[in-house]
Amino acid sequence: MRPTRWLSLLTLVTAVSACEPPPEESERMEVQLPGEDFFPEGIASSSDGTLYIGSVGTGAIARARPGELGAHVFVPGRAAFGVYGLAVDEAHGTLWACTYDDTLPPATPSHLAAYALATGELKTSHPLPDASGFCNDIALDAAGNVYATDSFANTVVRLAVGGNEVTTWAADAAFAPVVEGDLTLNGIAYDGAGTLYVVKSDTGTLFSIAIQADGSAGAPVTIPVVPALEAPDGVEWLDAQRLLVVENTPGRVSVVTHSGGSGTKEVLANGLVEPTTAALTDDGAWVLEAQLGYFFGTPGVPSLPFRVYRLAVPRP
């Protein structure tokens, strides 16, 4: 029997019956995702609160507009195709996505793809520099340059605004896996003031990487966090000195406040089943349960429908 996880989220998450009339946006506490094999991994939001959710199971991207209790397919899926990290670039009308196409090996299967935000039409798709790379998560800086973590090549890559080639932007020995083959760099967030924050899943390390005046990467700086992060996945910049961090295998969402070169972690929610990442809107943080273990062979079946939950984020 699967353990009941709702009790630990009771103060933060309230299930909404599909039989009830749609509530006001401020009351919406969850969004249900389509199908029995969606297996969500990435999520992003636009300024009006629209959510975009990528599927590893079907390769589709779903969209839920403000107030909708259910997401609908926005970009159709296809076989042997997966969508991971997402980012919205409203200034350029683009939805960026990390995609992985199992039909491409030995060609580069991992791409940074751009979809039209209005229609879902594919605009461009750029291969990652490393032929065995894995595009995992995405962040944009103030100018519209796109950064993505490559969890197999252990690097951060960059696509300059208006550019046509993804290049390696940050590489360092500190990014290498402890055990060969483990996922390394994962969630990435921009602070709005010239610095990217990146987490390393296998060690729980949080790095800051400055964007230098010429656009190049500064040396990564390790930010010790107490208590330590465990299997960190998605990262979102909240405000001032706070980051929202989704801890995957522990099923937690935490807030890290950093100052003076170190960080302090406070747990915001427990009891989620393999959450991967979150998206921020005016009414909170939307966190998805990926349940990817079942997709990759763990015995059992996922709890359906797949859902995204809204969590209240305390003010600083």
C-alpha atoms as a PDB file:
ATOM      1  CA  MET A   1       0.000   0.000   0.000  1.00  0.00           C
ATOM      2  CA  ARG A   2       1.272   3.440  -0.865  1.00  0.00           C
ATOM      3  CA  PRO A   3       1.546   5.683   2.221  1.00  0.00           C
ATOM      4  CA  THR A   4      -0.994   8.479   2.414  1.00  0.00           C
ATOM      5  CA  ARG A   5       0.888  11.714   1.862  1.00  0.00           C
ATOM      6  CA  TRP A   6      -1.908  14.257   2.204  1.00  0.00           C
ATOM      7  CA  LEU A   7      -1.699  14.668   5.993  1.00  0.00           C
ATOM      8  CA  SER A   8       1.709  16.302   5.898  1.00  0.00           C
ATOM      9  CA  LEU A   9       0.465  18.771   3.281  1.00  0.00           C
ATOM     10  CA  LEU A  10      -2.897  19.487   4.880  1.00  0.00           C
ATOM     11  CA  THR A  11      -2.035  22.989   6.011  1.00  0.00           C
ATOM     12  CA  LEU A  12      -0.716  23.887   2.568  1.00  0.00           C
ATOM     13  CA  VAL A  13      -2.687  21.879   0.037  1.00  0.00           C
ATOM     14  CA  THR A  14      -6.450  21.420  -0.242  1.00  0.00           C
ATOM     15  CA  ALA A  15      -7.874  19.026  -2.812  1.00  0.00           C
ATOM     16  CA  VAL A  16     -10.484  20.577  -5.090  1.00  0.00           C
ATOM     17  CA  SER A  17     -13.333  18.401  -6.342  1.00  0.00           C
ATOM     18  CA  ALA A  18     -13.759  18.336 -10.094  1.00  0.00           C
ATOM     19  CA  CYS A  19     -17.519  18.464  -9.502  1.00  0.00           C
ATOM     20  CA  GLU A  20     -17.378  21.880  -7.914  1.00  0.00           C
ATOM     21  CA  PRO A  21     -17.564  25.050 -10.003  1.00  0.00           C
ATOM     22  CA  PRO A  22     -14.160  26.603 -10.815  1.00  0.00           C
ATOM     23  CA  PRO A  23     -12.972  28.709  -7.858  1.00  0.00           C
ATOM     24  CA  GLU A  24     -11.369  32.083  -8.017  1.00  0.00           C
ATOM     25  CA  GLU A  25      -7.683  31.961  -8.937  1.00  0.00           C
ATOM     26  CA  SER A  26      -6.689  32.821  -5.365  1.00  0.00           C
ATOM     27  CA  GLU A  27      -8.497  29.661  -4.151  1.00  0.00           C
ATOM     28  CA  ARG A  28      -7.069  27.209  -6.672  1.00  0.00           C
ATOM     29  CA  MET A  29      -4.825  24.783  -4.806  1.00  0.00           C
ATOM     30  CA  GLU A  30      -4.042  22.163  -7.430  1.00  0.00           C
ATOM     31  CA  VAL A  31      -4.009  21.570 -11.165  1.00  0.00           C
ATOM     32  CA  GLN A  32      -4.583  18.102 -12.584  1.00  0.00           C
ATOM     33  CA  LEU A  33      -2.563  16.905 -15.571  1.00  0.00           C
ATOM     34  CA  PRO A  34      -3.929  14.931 -18.523  1.00  0.00           C
ATOM     35  CA  GLY A  35      -3.554  11.191 -19.029  1.00  0.00           C
ATOM     36  CA  GLU A  36      -2.232   8.198 -17.143  1.00  0.00           C
ATOM     37  CA  ASP A  37       1.344   8.383 -18.451  1.00  0.00           C
ATOM     38  CA  PHE A  38       2.102  12.097 -18.359  1.00  0.00           C
ATOM     39  CA  PHE A  39       4.890  11.905 -15.739  1.00  0.00           C
ATOM     40  CA  PRO A  40       5.642  15.648 -15.414  1.00  0.00           C
ATOM     41  CA  GLU A  41       9.181  16.894 -14.922  1.00  0.00           C
ATOM     42  CA  GLY A  42       9.446  20.612 -15.708  1.00  0.00           C
ATOM     43  CA  ILE A  43       7.167  23.576 -15.050  1.00  0.00           C
ATOM     44  CA  ALA A  44       7.250  27.290 -15.835  1.00  0.00           C
ATOM     45  CA  SER A  45       4.873  30.215 -15.467  1.00  0.00           C
ATOM     46  CA  SER A  46       4.093  33.428 -17.313  1.00  0.00           C
ATOM     47  CA  SER A  47       3.348  36.762 -15.657  1.00  0.00           C
ATOM     48  CA  ASP A  48      -0.436  36.230 -15.771  1.00  0.00           C
ATOM     49  CA  GLY A  49      -0.167  32.969 -13.836  1.00  0.00           C
ATOM     50  CA  THR A  50      -0.443  30.575 -16.786  1.00  0.00           C
ATOM     51  CA  LEU A  51       1.396  27.316 -16.071  1.00  0.00           C
ATOM     52  CA  TYR A  52       3.291  25.209 -18.613  1.00  0.00           C
ATOM     53  CA  ILE A  53       4.180  21.618 -17.672  1.00  0.00           C
ATOM     54  CA  GLY A  54       6.471  19.291 -19.608  1.00  0.00           C
ATOM     55  CA  SER A  55       5.972  15.529 -19.829  1.00  0.00           C
ATOM     56  CA  VAL A  56       8.648  12.860 -19.756  1.00  0.00           C
ATOM     57  CA  GLY A  57       6.076  10.146 -20.348  1.00  0.00           C
ATOM     58  CA  THR A  58       4.424  11.528 -23.492  1.00  0.00           C
ATOM     59  CA  GLY A  59       6.740  14.295 -24.716  1.00  0.00           C
ATOM     60  CA  ALA A  60       3.870  16.797 -24.579  1.00  0.00           C
ATOM     61  CA  ILE A  61       3.705  20.223 -22.957  1.00  0.00           C
ATOM     62  CA  ALA A  62       0.466  20.998 -21.122  1.00  0.00           C
ATOM     63  CA  ARG A  63      -0.905  24.450 -20.299  1.00  0.00           C
ATOM     64  CA  ALA A  64      -3.219  25.607 -17.522  1.00  0.00           C
ATOM     65  CA  ARG A  65      -4.515  29.152 -17.700  1.00  0.00           C
ATOM     66  CA  PRO A  66      -5.353  31.105 -14.526  1.00  0.00           C
ATOM     67  CA  GLY A  67      -8.306  29.551 -12.730  1.00  0.00           C
ATOM     68  CA  GLU A  68      -8.296  26.273 -14.663  1.00  0.00           C
ATOM     69  CA  LEU A  69      -8.328  23.148 -12.516  1.00  0.00           C
ATOM     70  CA  GLY A  70      -7.056  20.931 -15.314  1.00  0.00           C
ATOM     71  CA  ALA A  71      -4.188  21.411 -17.749  1.00  0.00           C
ATOM     72  CA  HIS A  72      -4.688  20.741 -21.458  1.00  0.00           C
ATOM     73  CA  VAL A  73      -2.173  19.621 -24.078  1.00  0.00           C
ATOM     74  CA  PHE A  74      -0.543  22.686 -25.628  1.00  0.00           C
ATOM     75  CA  VAL A  75       2.320  21.060 -27.549  1.00  0.00           C
ATOM     76  CA  PRO A  76       1.443  17.525 -28.708  1.00  0.00           C
ATOM     77  CA  GLY A  77       3.708  14.711 -27.624  1.00  0.00           C
ATOM     78  CA  ARG A  78       5.373  11.986 -29.619  1.00  0.00           C
ATOM     79  CA  ALA A  79       6.938   8.614 -28.952  1.00  0.00           C
ATOM     80  CA  ALA A  80      10.428   8.298 -27.441  1.00  0.00           C
ATOM     81  CA  PHE A  81      10.502  12.029 -26.686  1.00  0.00           C
ATOM     82  CA  GLY A  82      10.708  13.732 -23.300  1.00  0.00           C
ATOM     83  CA  VAL A  83      10.375  17.327 -22.084  1.00  0.00           C
ATOM     84  CA  TYR A  84      12.308  18.350 -18.983  1.00  0.00           C
ATOM     85  CA  GLY A  85      13.052  21.902 -17.778  1.00  0.00           C
ATOM     86  CA  LEU A  86      10.983  24.838 -19.059  1.00  0.00           C
ATOM     87  CA  ALA A  87      11.314  28.635 -19.003  1.00  0.00           C
ATOM     88  CA  VAL A  88       9.046  31.397 -20.284  1.00  0.00           C
ATOM     89  CA  ASP A  89      10.537  34.342 -22.214  1.00  0.00           C
ATOM     90  CA  GLU A  90       7.609  36.701 -22.681  1.00  0.00           C
ATOM     91  CA  ALA A  91       9.770  39.447 -24.159  1.00  0.00           C
ATOM     92  CA  HIS A  92      10.535  37.201 -27.138  1.00  0.00           C
ATOM     93  CA  GLY A  93       7.265  35.238 -27.158  1.00  0.00           C
ATOM     94  CA  THR A  94       9.092  31.998 -26.457  1.00  0.00           C
ATOM     95  CA  LEU A  95       8.666  28.929 -24.288  1.00  0.00           C
ATOM     96  CA  TRP A  96      12.078  27.308 -23.864  1.00  0.00           C
ATOM     97  CA  ALA A  97      12.294  23.584 -23.194  1.00  0.00           C
ATOM     98  CA  CYS A  98      14.946  20.985 -22.494  1.00  0.00           C
ATOM     99  CA  THR A  99      14.062  18.051 -24.745  1.00  0.00           C
ATOM    100  CA  TYR A 100      15.464  14.539 -25.077  1.00  0.00           C
ATOM    101  CA  ASP A 101      14.817  12.425 -28.163  1.00  0.00           C
ATOM    102  CA  ASP A 102      15.601   8.724 -27.791  1.00  0.00           C
ATOM    103  CA  THR A 103      15.367   8.203 -31.543  1.00  0.00           C
ATOM    104  CA  LEU A 104      18.450  10.344 -32.218  1.00  0.00           C
ATOM    105  CA  PRO A 105      21.412   8.411 -30.745  1.00  0.00           C
ATOM    106  CA  PRO A 106      24.200   8.238 -31.765  1.00  0.00           C
ATOM    107  CA  ALA A 107      23.385  11.782 -32.897  1.00  0.00           C
ATOM    108  CA  THR A 108      22.956  14.341 -30.099  1.00  0.00           C
ATOM    109  CA  PRO A 109      19.638  13.464 -28.445  1.00  0.00           C
ATOM    110  CA  SER A 110      19.458  16.438 -26.073  1.00  0.00           C
ATOM    111  CA  HIS A 111      18.278  19.806 -27.387  1.00  0.00           C
ATOM    112  CA  LEU A 112      17.334  23.253 -26.167  1.00  0.00           C
ATOM    113  CA  ALA A 113      14.086  23.916 -28.019  1.00  0.00           C
ATOM    114  CA  ALA A 114      12.077  27.105 -28.518  1.00  0.00           C
ATOM    115  CA  TYR A 115       8.292  27.016 -28.927  1.00  0.00           C
ATOM    116  CA  ALA A 116       6.031  29.933 -29.810  1.00  0.00           C
ATOM    117  CA  LEU A 117       4.410  31.033 -26.573  1.00  0.00           C
ATOM    118  CA  ALA A 118       1.173  31.939 -28.358  1.00  0.00           C
ATOM    119  CA  THR A 119       0.691  28.806 -30.450  1.00  0.00           C
ATOM    120  CA  GLY A 120       3.040  26.069 -29.232  1.00  0.00           C
ATOM    121  CA  GLU A 121       4.648  25.817 -32.667  1.00  0.00           C
ATOM    122  CA  LEU A 122       8.286  24.732 -32.673  1.00  0.00           C
ATOM    123  CA  LYS A 123      10.482  27.700 -33.638  1.00  0.00           C
ATOM    124  CA  THR A 124      14.008  26.330 -33.303  1.00  0.00           C
ATOM    125  CA  SER A 125      15.861  23.447 -31.675  1.00  0.00           C
ATOM    126  CA  HIS A 126      19.552  23.583 -30.790  1.00  0.00           C
ATOM    127  CA  PRO A 127      21.685  20.538 -29.900  1.00  0.00           C
ATOM    128  CA  LEU A 128      23.772  20.690 -26.753  1.00  0.00           C
ATOM    129  CA  PRO A 129      27.556  20.808 -27.236  1.00  0.00           C
ATOM    130  CA  ASP A 130      28.175  17.387 -25.709  1.00  0.00           C
ATOM    131  CA  ALA A 131      26.888  14.490 -27.816  1.00  0.00           C
ATOM    132  CA  SER A 132      25.989  12.541 -24.675  1.00  0.00           C
ATOM    133  CA  GLY A 133      24.597  15.555 -22.834  1.00  0.00           C
ATOM    134  CA  PHE A 134      21.346  15.878 -20.923  1.00  0.00           C
ATOM    135  CA  CYS A 135      19.589  19.256 -20.898  1.00  0.00           C
ATOM    136  CA  ASN A 136      17.886  19.363 -17.509  1.00  0.00           C
ATOM    137  CA  ASP A 137      16.788  22.829 -16.360  1.00  0.00           C
ATOM    138  CA  ILE A 138      16.707  26.373 -17.776  1.00  0.00           C
ATOM    139  CA  ALA A 139      17.096  29.978 -16.620  1.00  0.00           C
ATOM    140  CA  LEU A 140      17.058  33.313 -18.449  1.00  0.00           C
ATOM    141  CA  ASP A 141      19.011  36.420 -17.548  1.00  0.00           C
ATOM    142  CA  ALA A 142      17.709  39.973 -17.861  1.00  0.00           C
ATOM    143  CA  ALA A 143      18.922  40.299 -21.464  1.00  0.00           C
ATOM    144  CA  GLY A 144      17.242  37.082 -22.608  1.00  0.00           C
ATOM    145  CA  ASN A 145      20.332  34.872 -22.777  1.00  0.00           C
ATOM    146  CA  VAL A 146      19.368  31.272 -22.063  1.00  0.00           C
ATOM    147  CA  TYR A 147      21.282  29.025 -19.662  1.00  0.00           C
ATOM    148  CA  ALA A 148      20.733  25.312 -19.115  1.00  0.00           C
ATOM    149  CA  THR A 149      22.286  22.660 -16.925  1.00  0.00           C
ATOM    150  CA  ASP A 150      23.751  19.587 -18.589  1.00  0.00           C
ATOM    151  CA  SER A 151      23.501  16.849 -15.977  1.00  0.00           C
ATOM    152  CA  PHE A 152      25.613  14.330 -17.914  1.00  0.00           C
ATOM    153  CA  ALA A 153      28.371  16.627 -19.187  1.00  0.00           C
ATOM    154  CA  ASN A 154      28.471  18.382 -15.751  1.00  0.00           C
ATOM    155  CA  THR A 155      28.318  21.850 -17.264  1.00  0.00           C
ATOM    156  CA  VAL A 156      26.139  24.924 -17.670  1.00  0.00           C
ATOM    157  CA  VAL A 157      25.522  25.780 -21.319  1.00  0.00           C
ATOM    158  CA  ARG A 158      24.420  29.073 -22.851  1.00  0.00           C
ATOM    159  CA  LEU A 159      22.535  30.251 -25.898  1.00  0.00           C
ATOM    160  CA  ALA A 160      23.132  33.961 -26.452  1.00  0.00           C
ATOM    161  CA  VAL A 161      20.054  36.015 -27.266  1.00  0.00           C
ATOM    162  CA  GLY A 162      19.642  35.920 -31.040  1.00  0.00           C
ATOM    163  CA  GLY A 163      22.297  33.220 -31.328  1.00  0.00           C
ATOM    164  CA  ASN A 164      22.150  29.882 -33.132  1.00  0.00           C
ATOM    165  CA  GLU A 165      24.624  27.765 -31.190  1.00  0.00           C
ATOM    166  CA  VAL A 166      24.545  26.428 -27.653  1.00  0.00           C
ATOM    167  CA  THR A 167      28.000  26.633 -26.107  1.00  0.00           C
ATOM    168  CA  THR A 168      29.572  25.457 -22.878  1.00  0.00           C
ATOM    169  CA  TRP A 169      29.444  28.400 -20.477  1.00  0.00           C
ATOM    170  CA  ALA A 170      30.627  27.034 -17.111  1.00  0.00           C
ATOM    171  CA  ALA A 171      32.709  23.913 -16.488  1.00  0.00           C
ATOM    172  CA  ASP A 172      34.584  23.094 -13.297  1.00  0.00           C
ATOM    173  CA  ALA A 173      36.024  20.099 -11.484  1.00  0.00           C
ATOM    174  CA  ALA A 174      33.577  20.797  -8.644  1.00  0.00           C
ATOM    175  CA  PHE A 175      30.727  19.836 -10.997  1.00  0.00           C
ATOM    176  CA  ALA A 176      32.001  16.265 -11.562  1.00  0.00           C
ATOM    177  CA  PRO A 177      29.943  13.348 -10.178  1.00  0.00           C
ATOM    178  CA  VAL A 178      31.089  11.519  -7.071  1.00  0.00           C
ATOM    179  CA  VAL A 179      29.994   8.254  -8.695  1.00  0.00           C
ATOM    180  CA  GLU A 180      30.356   8.061 -12.466  1.00  0.00           C
ATOM    181  CA  GLY A 181      26.966   8.210 -14.159  1.00  0.00           C
ATOM    182  CA  ASP A 182      25.114  10.054 -11.370  1.00  0.00           C
ATOM    183  CA  LEU A 183      23.159  13.204 -12.214  1.00  0.00           C
ATOM    184  CA  THR A 184      25.090  16.327 -11.335  1.00  0.00           C
ATOM    185  CA  LEU A 185      24.035  19.912 -12.081  1.00  0.00           C
ATOM    186  CA  ASN A 186      20.272  20.257 -12.021  1.00  0.00           C
ATOM    187  CA  GLY A 187      18.128  23.251 -10.996  1.00  0.00           C
ATOM    188  CA  ILE A 188      19.231  26.727 -12.056  1.00  0.00           C
ATOM    189  CA  ALA A 189      17.890  30.192 -11.220  1.00  0.00           C
ATOM    190  CA  TYR A 190      18.817  33.800 -12.007  1.00  0.00           C
ATOM    191  CA  ASP A 191      18.707  36.371  -9.214  1.00  0.00           C
ATOM    192  CA  GLY A 192      17.973  39.379 -11.432  1.00  0.00           C
ATOM    193  CA  ALA A 193      21.246  41.038 -10.507  1.00  0.00           C
ATOM    194  CA  GLY A 194      23.948  39.159 -12.408  1.00  0.00           C
ATOM    195  CA  THR A 195      24.270  35.819 -10.633  1.00  0.00           C
ATOM    196  CA  LEU A 196      23.055  32.310 -11.376  1.00  0.00           C
ATOM    197  CA  TYR A 197      22.396  29.745  -8.647  1.00  0.00           C
ATOM    198  CA  VAL A 198      22.800  26.053  -9.458  1.00  0.00           C
ATOM    199  CA  VAL A 199      22.313  22.901  -7.385  1.00  0.00           C
ATOM    200  CA  LYS A 200      24.177  19.618  -7.784  1.00  0.00           C
ATOM    201  CA  SER A 201      21.883  16.671  -7.164  1.00  0.00           C
ATOM    202  CA  ASP A 202      24.372  13.973  -6.191  1.00  0.00           C
ATOM    203  CA  THR A 203      26.082  15.992  -3.438  1.00  0.00           C
ATOM    204  CA  GLY A 204      23.423  18.559  -2.472  1.00  0.00           C
ATOM    205  CA  THR A 205      25.829  21.407  -3.220  1.00  0.00           C
ATOM    206  CA  LEU A 206      24.546  24.908  -3.967  1.00  0.00           C
ATOM    207  CA  PHE A 207      26.735  27.056  -6.226  1.00  0.00           C
ATOM    208  CA  SER A 208      26.595  30.693  -7.232  1.00  0.00           C
ATOM    209  CA  ILE A 209      28.095  31.641 -10.606  1.00  0.00           C
ATOM    210  CA  ALA A 210      28.536  35.303 -11.484  1.00  0.00           C
ATOM    211  CA  ILE A 211      27.797  36.498 -15.003  1.00  0.00           C
ATOM    212  CA  GLN A 212      30.784  38.708 -15.773  1.00  0.00           C
ATOM    213  CA  ALA A 213      30.672  41.956 -17.731  1.00  0.00           C
ATOM    214  CA  ASP A 214      31.702  40.206 -20.958  1.00  0.00           C
ATOM    215  CA  GLY A 215      29.045  37.517 -20.477  1.00  0.00           C
ATOM    216  CA  SER A 216      31.464  34.788 -19.427  1.00  0.00           C
ATOM    217  CA  ALA A 217      31.098  32.725 -16.264  1.00  0.00           C
ATOM    218  CA  GLY A 218      32.881  33.560 -13.074  1.00  0.00           C
ATOM    219  CA  ALA A 219      34.378  30.814 -10.928  1.00  0.00           C
ATOM    220  CA  PRO A 220      31.669  28.822  -9.123  1.00  0.00           C
ATOM    221  CA  VAL A 221      31.346  29.611  -5.414  1.00  0.00           C
ATOM    222  CA  THR A 222      30.068  26.947  -3.036  1.00  0.00           C
ATOM    223  CA  ILE A 223      27.391  28.115  -0.586  1.00  0.00           C
ATOM    224  CA  PRO A 224      27.253  25.800   2.470  1.00  0.00           C
ATOM    225  CA  VAL A 225      23.643  25.158   3.530  1.00  0.00           C
ATOM    226  CA  VAL A 226      22.523  24.036   7.013  1.00  0.00           C
ATOM    227  CA  PRO A 227      20.745  21.650   7.275  1.00  0.00           C
ATOM    228  CA  ALA A 228      22.225  20.215   4.095  1.00  0.00           C
ATOM    229  CA  LEU A 229      20.183  19.954   0.925  1.00  0.00           C
ATOM    230  CA  GLU A 230      19.251  16.393  -0.061  1.00  0.00           C
ATOM    231  CA  ALA A 231      18.887  15.479  -3.728  1.00  0.00           C
ATOM    232  CA  PRO A 232      18.079  19.060  -4.749  1.00  0.00           C
ATOM    233  CA  ASP A 233      16.280  19.357  -8.072  1.00  0.00           C
ATOM    234  CA  GLY A 234      14.407  22.508  -9.110  1.00  0.00           C
ATOM    235  CA  VAL A 235      15.451  25.965  -7.889  1.00  0.00           C
ATOM    236  CA  GLU A 236      13.522  29.231  -8.031  1.00  0.00           C
ATOM    237  CA  TRP A 237      14.691  32.711  -6.977  1.00  0.00           C
ATOM    238  CA  LEU A 238      12.204  34.136  -4.478  1.00  0.00           C
ATOM    239  CA  ASP A 239      13.458  37.539  -3.349  1.00  0.00           C
ATOM    240  CA  ALA A 240      16.418  39.332  -1.807  1.00  0.00           C
ATOM    241  CA  GLN A 241      18.430  36.408  -0.423  1.00  0.00           C
ATOM    242  CA  ARG A 242      15.964  33.524  -0.653  1.00  0.00           C
ATOM    243  CA  LEU A 243      15.789  30.502  -2.939  1.00  0.00           C
ATOM    244  CA  LEU A 244      13.027  27.918  -3.191  1.00  0.00           C
ATOM    245  CA  VAL A 245      14.592  24.458  -3.540  1.00  0.00           C
ATOM    246  CA  VAL A 246      12.720  21.261  -4.407  1.00  0.00           C
ATOM    247  CA  GLU A 247      14.368  18.224  -2.779  1.00  0.00           C
ATOM    248  CA  ASN A 248      13.470  15.230  -4.895  1.00  0.00           C
ATOM    249  CA  THR A 249      13.823  11.917  -3.086  1.00  0.00           C
ATOM    250  CA  PRO A 250      13.002  13.316   0.389  1.00  0.00           C
ATOM    251  CA  GLY A 251       9.791  14.766  -1.102  1.00  0.00           C
ATOM    252  CA  ARG A 252      10.423  18.220   0.335  1.00  0.00           C
ATOM    253  CA  VAL A 253      10.190  21.841  -0.661  1.00  0.00           C
ATOM    254  CA  SER A 254      12.511  24.153   1.248  1.00  0.00           C
ATOM    255  CA  VAL A 255      13.468  27.800   1.422  1.00  0.00           C
ATOM    256  CA  VAL A 256      17.171  28.639   1.630  1.00  0.00           C
ATOM    257  CA  THR A 257      18.123  32.066   2.989  1.00  0.00           C
ATOM    258  CA  HIS A 258      21.729  32.925   2.294  1.00  0.00           C
ATOM    259  CA  SER A 259      23.925  35.679   3.643  1.00  0.00           C
ATOM    260  CA  GLY A 260      27.584  36.043   4.467  1.00  0.00           C
ATOM    261  CA  GLY A 261      28.512  33.190   2.149  1.00  0.00           C
ATOM    262  CA  SER A 262      26.315  30.510   3.726  1.00  0.00           C
ATOM    263  CA  GLY A 263      22.676  29.453   3.704  1.00  0.00           C
ATOM    264  CA  THR A 264      20.026  28.360   6.195  1.00  0.00           C
ATOM    265  CA  LYS A 265      17.327  25.917   5.121  1.00  0.00           C
ATOM    266  CA  GLU A 266      13.736  25.880   6.360  1.00  0.00           C
ATOM    267  CA  VAL A 267      11.350  23.155   5.217  1.00  0.00           C
ATOM    268  CA  LEU A 268       8.188  24.491   3.625  1.00  0.00           C
ATOM    269  CA  ALA A 269       6.423  21.214   2.796  1.00  0.00           C
ATOM    270  CA  ASN A 270       6.952  17.475   3.251  1.00  0.00           C
ATOM    271  CA  GLY A 271       5.318  14.365   1.883  1.00  0.00           C
ATOM    272  CA  LEU A 272       5.414  14.934  -1.864  1.00  0.00           C
ATOM    273  CA  VAL A 273       6.201  11.951  -4.097  1.00  0.00           C
ATOM    274  CA  GLU A 274       9.358  12.693  -6.072  1.00  0.00           C
ATOM    275  CA  PRO A 275       8.774  16.391  -6.714  1.00  0.00           C
ATOM    276  CA  THR A 276      11.125  17.792  -9.324  1.00  0.00           C
ATOM    277  CA  THR A 277      10.631  21.517  -9.657  1.00  0.00           C
ATOM    278  CA  ALA A 278       8.395  24.538  -9.099  1.00  0.00           C
ATOM    279  CA  ALA A 279       7.122  27.674 -10.780  1.00  0.00           C
ATOM    280  CA  LEU A 280       6.280  30.933  -9.049  1.00  0.00           C
ATOM    281  CA  THR A 281       3.139  33.004  -9.556  1.00  0.00           C
ATOM    282  CA  ASP A 282       1.624  35.875  -7.596  1.00  0.00           C
ATOM    283  CA  ASP A 283      -0.323  33.425  -5.460  1.00  0.00           C
ATOM    284  CA  GLY A 284       2.439  31.004  -4.485  1.00  0.00           C
ATOM    285  CA  ALA A 285       4.758  28.262  -5.651  1.00  0.00           C
ATOM    286  CA  TRP A 286       3.381  25.541  -7.925  1.00  0.00           C
ATOM    287  CA  VAL A 287       5.203  22.268  -7.240  1.00  0.00           C
ATOM    288  CA  LEU A 288       4.739  19.131  -9.319  1.00  0.00           C
ATOM    289  CA  GLU A 289       4.899  15.508  -8.242  1.00  0.00           C
ATOM    290  CA  ALA A 290       6.802  13.705 -10.974  1.00  0.00           C
ATOM    291  CA  GLN A 291       6.596  10.144  -9.574  1.00  0.00           C
ATOM    292  CA  LEU A 292       9.319   9.341 -12.122  1.00  0.00           C
ATOM    293  CA  GLY A 293      10.479   6.256 -10.260  1.00  0.00           C
ATOM    294  CA  TYR A 294       7.520   4.383 -11.690  1.00  0.00           C
ATOM    295  CA  PHE A 295       8.379   5.590 -15.184  1.00  0.00           C
ATOM    296  CA  PHE A 296      11.939   4.293 -14.852  1.00  0.00           C
ATOM    297  CA  GLY A 297      10.985   0.877 -13.481  1.00  0.00           C
ATOM    298  CA  THR A 298      10.194   1.112  -9.757  1.00  0.00           C
ATOM    299  CA  PRO A 299       7.512  -1.488  -8.939  1.00  0.00           C
ATOM    300  CA  GLY A 300       4.034  -0.074  -8.452  1.00  0.00           C
ATOM    301  CA  VAL A 301       1.859   2.474 -10.175  1.00  0.00           C
ATOM    302  CA  PRO A 302       1.655   6.265  -9.842  1.00  0.00           C
ATOM    303  CA  SER A 303      -1.126   8.029  -7.989  1.00  0.00           C
ATOM    304  CA  LEU A 304      -3.455   9.497 -10.611  1.00  0.00           C
ATOM    305  CA  PRO A 305      -4.185  12.004 -11.879  1.00  0.00           C
ATOM    306  CA  PHE A 306      -0.761  13.602 -11.913  1.00  0.00           C
ATOM    307  CA  ARG A 307      -0.985  16.939 -10.099  1.00  0.00           C
ATOM    308  CA  VAL A 308       0.683  20.264  -9.507  1.00  0.00           C
ATOM    309  CA  TYR A 309       0.148  21.758  -6.038  1.00  0.00           C
ATOM    310  CA  ARG A 310       0.140  25.365  -4.925  1.00  0.00           C
ATOM    311  CA  LEU A 311       2.089  26.118  -1.758  1.00  0.00           C
ATOM    312  CA  ALA A 312       1.953  29.354   0.180  1.00  0.00           C
ATOM    313  CA  VAL A 313       5.389  30.963   0.444  1.00  0.00           C
ATOM    314  CA  PRO A 314       6.038  32.886   3.668  1.00  0.00           C
ATOM    315  CA  ARG A 315       7.168  36.471   3.369  1.00  0.00           C
ATOM    316  CA  PRO A 316      10.735  37.274   4.424  1.00  0.00           C
END
